[in-house]
Protein backbone atom coordinates (compact mmCIF):
# COMPACT_ATOMS: atom_id res chain seq x y z
CA MET A 1 -30.39 52.72 -46.20
CA GLU A 2 -32.05 52.37 -42.82
CA ASP A 3 -30.13 53.13 -39.65
CA GLU A 4 -29.34 49.66 -38.30
CA GLN A 5 -29.57 48.97 -34.60
CA GLU A 6 -26.29 47.89 -33.00
CA ILE A 7 -26.59 44.31 -31.69
CA CYS A 8 -24.08 41.63 -30.73
CA ARG A 9 -23.51 39.10 -33.50
CA VAL A 10 -23.27 36.23 -30.98
CA CYS A 11 -25.98 36.80 -28.38
CA ARG A 12 -28.12 39.18 -30.52
CA SER A 13 -28.64 41.63 -27.63
CA GLU A 14 -28.08 45.37 -27.52
CA SER A 15 -25.39 47.35 -25.80
CA THR A 16 -25.78 48.06 -22.08
CA PRO A 17 -23.69 50.23 -19.78
CA ASP A 18 -22.30 47.07 -18.14
CA HIS A 19 -21.69 45.28 -21.45
CA PRO A 20 -20.82 47.70 -24.23
CA LEU A 21 -20.42 46.57 -27.83
CA PHE A 22 -17.04 46.61 -29.56
CA HIS A 23 -15.92 46.14 -33.15
CA PRO A 24 -12.65 44.17 -32.81
CA CYS A 25 -12.20 43.20 -36.47
CA LYS A 26 -12.71 44.47 -40.03
CA CYS A 27 -16.25 43.12 -40.39
CA SER A 28 -18.94 45.67 -41.25
CA GLY A 29 -22.71 45.82 -41.21
CA SER A 30 -24.87 43.94 -38.73
CA ILE A 31 -22.07 41.52 -37.81
CA ARG A 32 -19.67 44.29 -36.85
CA PHE A 33 -20.42 44.50 -33.12
CA ILE A 34 -19.84 42.02 -30.32
CA HIS A 35 -19.68 42.02 -26.52
CA GLN A 36 -16.28 41.36 -24.99
CA ASP A 37 -17.65 38.41 -22.97
CA CYS A 38 -19.29 36.92 -26.08
CA LEU A 39 -16.04 37.27 -28.03
CA SER A 40 -14.02 35.60 -25.26
CA GLU A 41 -16.56 32.76 -25.04
CA TRP A 42 -16.59 32.31 -28.82
CA LEU A 43 -12.78 32.24 -29.04
CA THR A 44 -12.62 29.70 -26.23
CA HIS A 45 -15.02 27.34 -28.02
CA SER A 46 -13.61 27.82 -31.53
CA LYS A 47 -9.97 27.63 -30.37
CA LYS A 48 -9.02 30.31 -32.90
CA ASP A 49 -7.47 33.74 -32.44
CA TYR A 50 -8.85 35.36 -35.58
CA CYS A 51 -12.23 36.32 -37.01
CA GLU A 52 -13.67 33.48 -39.06
CA LEU A 53 -15.35 35.90 -41.47
CA CYS A 54 -12.73 38.52 -42.29
CA GLU A 55 -9.72 36.55 -40.96
CA TYR A 56 -8.49 39.51 -38.92
CA ARG A 57 -6.21 38.34 -36.10
CA PHE A 58 -7.43 39.58 -32.72
CA THR A 59 -4.91 41.28 -30.46
CA PHE A 60 -5.48 41.44 -26.74
CA THR A 61 -3.73 43.74 -24.34
CA PRO A 62 -3.84 42.71 -20.70
CA ILE A 63 -5.22 45.40 -18.42
CA TYR A 64 -4.16 45.17 -14.79
CA LYS A 65 -5.56 46.83 -11.74
CA GLU A 66 -3.77 49.96 -10.64
CA ASP A 67 -2.71 48.45 -7.31
CA MET A 68 -0.81 45.59 -9.01
CA PRO A 69 2.97 45.47 -8.39
CA ARG A 70 5.29 46.23 -11.31
CA ARG A 71 7.26 43.01 -10.79
CA LEU A 72 6.10 39.56 -9.84
CA PRO A 73 6.99 38.68 -6.21
CA LEU A 74 9.57 35.90 -5.81
CA LYS A 75 7.22 34.01 -3.51
CA VAL A 76 4.63 33.69 -6.29
CA LEU A 77 7.29 32.83 -8.85
CA PHE A 78 8.78 30.02 -6.72
CA ARG A 79 5.35 28.69 -5.77
CA GLN A 80 4.40 28.35 -9.45
CA PHE A 81 7.80 26.83 -10.27
CA PHE A 82 7.46 24.13 -7.60
CA TYR A 83 3.83 23.51 -8.52
CA ARG A 84 4.76 22.89 -12.16
CA LEU A 85 7.81 20.84 -11.16
CA GLY A 86 5.57 18.67 -8.94
CA SER A 87 3.09 18.21 -11.79
CA LEU A 88 5.91 17.21 -14.13
CA ILE A 89 7.32 14.69 -11.62
CA LYS A 90 3.84 13.26 -11.01
CA THR A 91 3.30 12.83 -14.76
CA LEU A 92 6.71 11.21 -15.23
CA LEU A 93 6.12 8.79 -12.33
CA ARG A 94 2.70 7.90 -13.72
CA GLY A 95 4.27 7.17 -17.11
CA LEU A 96 6.99 5.08 -15.47
CA ILE A 97 4.42 3.04 -13.55
CA VAL A 98 2.31 2.45 -16.67
CA THR A 99 5.38 1.46 -18.67
CA THR A 100 6.56 -0.89 -15.93
CA VAL A 101 3.17 -2.57 -15.62
CA TRP A 102 2.68 -3.02 -19.38
CA LEU A 103 6.24 -3.99 -20.30
CA ILE A 104 7.41 -5.94 -17.24
CA VAL A 105 4.72 -6.96 -14.76
CA LEU A 106 1.97 -8.01 -17.17
CA PRO A 107 4.21 -10.09 -19.47
CA LEU A 108 5.83 -11.84 -16.49
CA PHE A 109 2.45 -12.52 -14.90
CA THR A 110 1.17 -13.94 -18.19
CA LEU A 111 4.29 -16.06 -18.62
CA TRP A 112 4.07 -17.57 -15.13
CA THR A 113 0.33 -18.12 -15.45
CA TRP A 114 0.79 -20.08 -18.67
CA ARG A 115 3.71 -22.03 -17.20
CA LEU A 116 1.54 -22.95 -14.22
CA CYS A 117 -1.33 -24.02 -16.47
CA PHE A 118 0.89 -26.19 -18.67
CA TRP A 119 2.74 -27.64 -15.69
CA THR A 120 -0.45 -28.64 -13.91
CA GLY A 121 -1.88 -30.02 -17.15
CA GLU A 122 1.17 -32.23 -17.68
CA ARG A 123 1.09 -33.48 -14.09
CA ILE A 124 -2.59 -34.42 -13.97
CA GLY A 125 -2.40 -37.10 -16.67
CA TYR A 126 0.63 -39.08 -15.45
CA THR A 127 -0.40 -41.93 -13.18
CA ASN A 128 1.59 -45.13 -13.80
CA ASP A 129 5.11 -43.90 -14.30
CA PRO A 130 8.13 -45.15 -12.33
CA ASN A 131 9.09 -41.62 -11.28
CA ASN A 132 6.07 -41.31 -8.96
CA GLY A 133 4.40 -38.34 -10.65
CA ASN A 134 7.56 -36.57 -11.80
CA LEU A 135 8.20 -36.10 -15.50
CA PRO A 136 10.80 -38.44 -16.98
CA GLU A 137 13.95 -36.90 -18.46
CA ASN A 138 13.01 -37.97 -21.99
CA HIS A 139 9.38 -36.87 -21.52
CA PRO A 140 8.40 -35.86 -25.11
CA SER A 141 9.78 -39.01 -26.72
CA GLN A 142 8.63 -41.61 -24.19
CA GLN A 143 6.19 -44.07 -25.80
CA ASN A 144 5.11 -46.11 -22.74
CA THR A 145 3.43 -43.31 -20.79
CA THR A 146 -0.30 -43.77 -20.37
CA PHE A 147 -2.70 -40.89 -19.88
CA VAL A 148 -5.60 -41.56 -17.59
CA GLU A 149 -8.16 -39.07 -16.30
CA THR A 150 -7.77 -38.89 -12.57
CA SER A 151 -9.82 -37.17 -9.94
CA PRO A 152 -8.06 -34.51 -7.91
CA SER A 153 -7.71 -36.45 -4.69
CA SER A 154 -4.81 -37.14 -2.40
CA SER A 155 -5.11 -40.90 -2.98
CA SER A 156 -4.03 -40.53 -6.64
CA PRO A 157 -0.51 -41.91 -7.25
CA GLY A 158 0.14 -39.03 -9.73
CA PHE A 159 -0.02 -35.36 -8.97
CA ASN A 160 -1.21 -34.40 -5.50
CA PHE A 161 -3.47 -31.32 -5.62
CA GLU A 162 -3.69 -30.87 -1.87
CA THR A 163 0.06 -30.68 -1.45
CA PHE A 164 0.47 -28.38 -4.42
CA PHE A 165 -2.14 -25.83 -3.36
CA THR A 166 -1.66 -25.97 0.42
CA ASN A 167 2.14 -25.91 0.32
CA PRO A 168 3.15 -22.81 -1.63
CA GLY A 169 6.77 -23.95 -1.75
CA SER A 170 5.94 -26.87 -4.04
CA ALA A 171 4.60 -24.64 -6.82
CA TRP A 172 7.40 -22.07 -6.58
CA SER A 173 10.10 -24.71 -6.36
CA PHE A 174 8.97 -26.15 -9.69
CA LEU A 175 8.53 -22.78 -11.35
CA ASN A 176 11.96 -21.60 -10.25
CA LYS A 177 13.67 -24.73 -11.63
CA ARG A 178 12.73 -23.92 -15.23
């Protein structure tokens, strides 16, 4: 058998002094060797911690610089704790706001919009009723009410658009009565 040249199975390049080749799993032959950077990149993209060919689970040992302290300083520990606590609070507040908007604000807005549409629709058609534009108490069962298309002007004896839209109290007073 010929003496095979050692190349990386990911990038297909040879070993260099800066990037030596390793054999981190049980694979053999031309797919045995890989650069450490190529392996890290491949594991990041595949989201696996084992070799896809021989199913050997990779083990990594962290290597620290020699000037690193033996214990983590309290300042760093507290800074990370408060950073993660802040992120958690921000996420919870965001969820609370989304829940409030979808379950409270949007349904109420829709409800009041539809009430306003139906209320204005009922008021536009009444013109010749004795209550001067107000709905009678037995509104659904009244037979004598006539519906006439009216133009939205202040001279109409029915609903007065100008008063309704220029005086905000008139709209809210009706909506709050229901």
